[in-house]
Protein backbone atom coordinates (compact mmCIF):
# COMPACT_ATOMS: atom_id res chain seq x y z
CA MET A 1 0.00 0.00 0.00
CA ASN A 2 1.28 3.47 -0.90
CA LEU A 3 1.11 6.39 1.53
CA SER A 4 0.38 10.06 0.90
CA VAL A 5 2.31 13.05 2.26
CA LYS A 6 -0.37 13.46 4.93
CA ASP A 7 -0.12 9.77 5.91
CA VAL A 8 3.65 9.98 6.35
CA ALA A 9 3.42 13.28 8.22
CA GLU A 10 1.01 11.70 10.70
CA LEU A 11 3.21 8.60 10.97
CA LEU A 12 6.28 10.70 11.82
CA ASN A 13 4.30 13.23 13.86
CA VAL A 14 5.54 16.17 11.78
CA SER A 15 3.89 18.72 9.49
CA ASP A 16 3.20 18.24 5.78
CA LYS A 17 5.68 21.08 5.20
CA THR A 18 8.42 19.05 6.89
CA ILE A 19 7.74 16.08 4.62
CA TYR A 20 7.94 18.28 1.52
CA ARG A 21 11.25 19.66 2.78
CA MET A 22 12.54 16.11 3.26
CA ILE A 23 11.46 15.29 -0.29
CA LYS A 24 13.28 18.35 -1.61
CA ASP A 25 16.41 17.44 0.38
CA GLU A 26 16.14 13.83 -0.88
CA THR A 27 16.30 12.40 2.62
CA ILE A 28 13.19 10.21 2.43
CA PRO A 29 12.35 7.48 -0.16
CA CYS A 30 9.45 8.54 -2.39
CA PHE A 31 8.13 8.55 -5.96
CA ARG A 32 5.60 10.44 -8.05
CA VAL A 33 2.28 9.12 -9.36
CA GLY A 34 0.14 11.43 -11.46
CA GLY A 35 1.97 14.48 -10.18
CA GLN A 36 1.51 13.49 -6.51
CA TRP A 37 4.20 12.32 -4.12
CA ARG A 38 3.69 8.80 -2.81
CA PHE A 39 5.59 6.56 -0.38
CA ASP A 40 5.87 2.78 -0.32
CA ARG A 41 4.81 1.60 3.16
CA ARG A 42 7.57 -1.03 3.28
CA GLU A 43 10.24 1.46 2.22
CA ILE A 44 9.11 3.95 4.84
CA ALA A 45 9.12 1.28 7.57
CA SER A 46 12.64 0.25 6.53
CA TRP A 47 13.73 3.90 6.32
CA ILE A 48 12.47 4.62 9.84
CA GLU A 49 14.31 1.60 11.23
CA ASP A 50 17.41 2.44 9.22
CA THR A 51 17.43 6.06 10.40
CA ARG A 52 17.15 5.02 14.02
CA GLU A 53 19.97 2.48 13.61
CA PHE A 54 22.13 5.01 11.77
CA HIS A 55 21.84 7.56 14.57
CA TYR A 56 22.55 4.81 17.12
CA ASN A 57 25.71 3.76 15.29
CA ALA A 58 26.68 7.40 14.82
CA ALA A 59 26.89 7.81 18.58
CA LYS A 60 29.14 4.79 19.05
CA LYS A 61 32.88 5.17 19.36
CA GLY A 62 35.80 2.91 18.61
CA PRO A 63 36.98 1.10 15.46
CA ALA A 64 34.56 -0.21 12.86
CA SER A 65 33.77 -3.86 13.42
CA ASP A 66 31.50 -4.60 10.47
CA GLU A 67 30.42 -3.34 7.08
CA GLU A 68 27.99 -0.83 8.59
CA PHE A 69 31.00 1.45 9.04
CA ILE A 70 32.60 1.07 5.60
CA SER A 71 32.87 4.43 3.86
CA VAL A 72 31.46 5.45 0.50
CA THR A 73 35.07 5.76 -0.64
CA GLU A 74 35.72 2.08 0.07
CA LEU A 75 32.46 1.09 -1.63
CA LEU A 76 33.52 3.04 -4.74
CA ARG A 77 36.88 1.29 -4.78
CA ARG A 78 35.04 -2.04 -4.75
CA GLY A 79 32.63 -1.20 -7.56
CA GLY A 80 34.97 0.81 -9.77
CA ILE A 81 34.74 3.90 -11.99
CA TYR A 82 33.97 3.56 -15.70
CA HIS A 83 34.42 6.24 -18.37
CA ARG A 84 32.88 6.92 -21.79
CA VAL A 85 30.16 4.31 -21.49
CA LYS A 86 28.11 4.26 -24.69
CA GLY A 87 24.34 4.63 -24.95
CA ASP A 88 21.95 6.81 -26.94
CA THR A 89 18.97 6.22 -24.63
CA LYS A 90 18.41 5.63 -20.94
CA GLU A 91 17.87 1.93 -21.63
CA ASP A 92 21.02 1.53 -23.73
CA ALA A 93 23.11 3.50 -21.24
CA ILE A 94 21.98 1.49 -18.21
CA MET A 95 22.56 -1.83 -19.96
CA SER A 96 26.01 -0.74 -21.16
CA CYS A 97 26.91 0.34 -17.61
CA LEU A 98 25.86 -3.02 -16.18
CA VAL A 99 27.97 -4.87 -18.75
CA HIS A 100 31.01 -2.80 -17.72
CA ILE A 101 30.31 -3.22 -14.02
CA LYS A 102 30.05 -7.00 -14.41
CA THR A 103 33.80 -7.08 -15.04
CA ALA A 104 34.34 -6.00 -11.42
CA ILE A 105 31.26 -7.66 -9.92
CA PRO A 106 30.87 -10.88 -11.97
CA GLN A 107 28.08 -12.28 -9.78
CA ILE A 108 25.49 -9.76 -10.97
CA ASP A 109 22.94 -10.95 -13.51
CA ALA A 110 23.01 -7.96 -15.86
CA GLY A 111 19.88 -8.99 -17.77
CA ARG A 112 17.63 -9.54 -14.75
CA LEU A 113 19.00 -6.51 -12.96
CA PHE A 114 18.40 -4.36 -16.05
CA ASP A 115 14.74 -5.45 -16.19
CA ALA A 116 14.28 -4.67 -12.49
CA ILE A 117 15.95 -1.27 -12.81
CA MET A 118 13.77 -0.33 -15.78
CA ASP A 119 10.65 -1.35 -13.83
CA ARG A 120 11.76 1.17 -11.20
CA GLU A 121 12.54 3.82 -13.82
CA ASN A 122 9.11 3.39 -15.38
CA LEU A 123 7.57 4.05 -11.97
CA CYS A 124 9.70 7.14 -11.27
CA SER A 125 13.00 8.42 -12.62
CA THR A 126 16.01 7.89 -10.35
CA ALA A 127 17.66 11.09 -11.61
CA ILE A 128 18.49 13.39 -8.67
CA GLY A 129 19.50 16.51 -10.61
CA ASN A 130 22.78 18.00 -11.86
CA GLY A 131 22.99 15.30 -14.51
CA ILE A 132 23.26 12.52 -11.91
CA ALA A 133 21.12 9.41 -11.39
CA PHE A 134 21.04 6.47 -8.96
CA PRO A 135 19.55 3.64 -11.09
CA HIS A 136 18.34 0.80 -8.86
CA PRO A 137 15.73 -1.98 -8.69
CA ARG A 138 12.79 -2.01 -6.32
CA PRO A 139 12.79 -4.00 -4.12
CA PHE A 140 16.32 -5.36 -3.64
CA LYS A 141 15.40 -8.75 -2.22
CA GLU A 142 16.46 -10.72 -5.32
CA PHE A 143 19.56 -8.64 -5.97
CA SER A 144 21.31 -8.41 -2.62
CA ALA A 145 25.09 -8.78 -2.76
CA SER A 146 27.61 -10.51 -0.50
CA PHE A 147 29.40 -7.19 0.01
CA SER A 148 28.05 -3.72 -0.62
CA SER A 149 29.68 -1.64 -3.36
CA ILE A 150 29.12 1.42 -5.55
CA ALA A 151 29.96 1.73 -9.25
CA LEU A 152 30.32 5.15 -10.87
CA CYS A 153 29.70 5.31 -14.61
CA TYR A 154 30.32 8.29 -16.89
CA LEU A 155 28.38 8.21 -20.15
CA LYS A 156 29.99 9.15 -23.44
CA GLN A 157 27.08 11.53 -24.00
CA PRO A 158 24.18 12.77 -21.81
CA VAL A 159 20.81 11.03 -22.25
CA PRO A 160 17.25 12.05 -21.26
CA PHE A 161 16.35 10.57 -17.88
CA GLY A 162 13.11 12.27 -16.88
CA SER A 163 14.88 14.37 -14.25
CA LEU A 164 12.84 16.93 -12.31
CA ASP A 165 15.33 19.63 -13.36
CA ASN A 166 14.95 18.51 -17.01
CA GLU A 167 18.71 18.04 -17.28
CA ASP A 168 20.02 15.07 -19.27
CA VAL A 169 22.08 12.57 -17.28
CA ASP A 170 25.71 11.63 -17.90
CA THR A 171 26.77 10.43 -14.43
CA LEU A 172 25.31 7.26 -12.91
CA PHE A 173 25.92 5.79 -9.46
CA PHE A 174 24.91 2.12 -9.15
CA ILE A 175 24.58 1.00 -5.53
CA PHE A 176 24.88 -2.74 -4.87
CA PRO A 177 23.85 -3.30 -1.23
CA LYS A 178 23.66 -6.34 1.03
CA SER A 179 20.03 -5.42 1.73
CA GLU A 180 17.42 -2.80 0.92
CA ARG A 181 17.98 -1.25 4.33
CA ARG A 182 21.69 -0.97 3.55
CA PHE A 183 20.80 0.69 0.24
CA LEU A 184 18.86 3.43 2.03
CA ARG A 185 21.82 4.14 4.30
CA ILE A 186 24.33 4.26 1.46
CA GLN A 187 22.02 6.38 -0.68
CA ALA A 188 21.49 8.87 2.14
CA ILE A 189 25.23 9.25 2.77
CA LEU A 190 26.09 9.51 -0.93
CA SER A 191 23.29 12.05 -1.52
CA ARG A 192 24.62 14.18 1.33
CA LEU A 193 28.16 14.05 -0.03
CA LEU A 194 26.96 15.13 -3.48
CA LYS A 195 25.46 18.26 -1.95
CA ASP A 196 29.00 19.40 -1.14
CA GLU A 197 30.18 21.78 -3.88
CA GLN A 198 33.69 20.34 -4.01
CA ILE A 199 32.44 16.77 -4.31
CA LEU A 200 29.85 17.67 -6.94
CA SER A 201 32.38 19.64 -8.99
CA ALA A 202 34.97 16.86 -8.79
CA VAL A 203 32.44 14.20 -9.81
CA LYS A 204 31.15 16.24 -12.74
CA LYS A 205 34.71 16.97 -13.92
CA ALA A 206 35.44 13.23 -13.80
CA LEU A 207 38.69 13.67 -11.90
CA PRO A 208 41.10 10.68 -11.90
CA PRO A 209 39.93 7.89 -9.56
CA ASP A 210 42.66 8.39 -6.96
CA ASP A 211 41.85 12.11 -6.75
CA LEU A 212 38.15 11.34 -6.34
CA TYR A 213 38.83 8.75 -3.64
CA ASP A 214 41.05 11.17 -1.73
CA LEU A 215 38.41 13.91 -1.86
CA PHE A 216 35.56 11.58 -0.89
CA ILE A 217 37.37 10.22 2.14
CA ARG A 218 38.39 13.72 3.27
CA LYS A 219 34.83 15.00 2.93
CA GLU A 220 33.39 11.96 4.69
CA THR A 221 35.62 12.76 7.63
CA GLU A 222 34.65 16.45 7.61
CA ILE A 223 30.90 15.98 7.14
CA PHE A 224 30.18 12.88 9.19
CA ARG A 225 32.90 12.17 11.71
CA GLY A 226 33.38 15.88 12.28
CA ALA A 227 29.66 16.08 13.09
CA GLY A 228 29.94 13.30 15.67
CA ARG A 229 29.16 10.33 13.42
């Protein structure tokens, strides 16, 4: 069952205005149907649990003992960065990206994952603005990975993606999580990092991988650990 803005506001005991602000800031999972914002009840339940767990872990001190603490930088190293990926349409581009990514993550079934991603795209575009998209399936149950990773793909040319800012997309982040809950956490952290002007500029300029990794890890430290993560 899908929820409305009012339903979610009542569930979280906040105002409708707060929910719209969360949508704008991309901090809550949602999609559009007929021009209206809607929320999947299961995603919201998982998001609430995930948010609580994230804040709990953020307050803990000491060395990381499991993958919950692995940084976006490490996830990017696992998944890899791919340049000049061909594709004249959203469909072609996503399939080409998956074929490239399979060289680093051979266990993915590119065909089945492509179909699942396109089902999600047909429901609502995963473009987040600034020419960036987070293509992903919905739900993740059949596509969970042994270890979480992120793959960054740069397209040879921008393609229409149905973005709210009407900007064509040329930069795609594919998140491969151990679970849907893990996806929400990784997506939230990556989205926050991409709001940093230095990170966004570096990503859009397609800096060399080592330079990107260095910047990501420095900004993760500044934004999260510096804030008491």
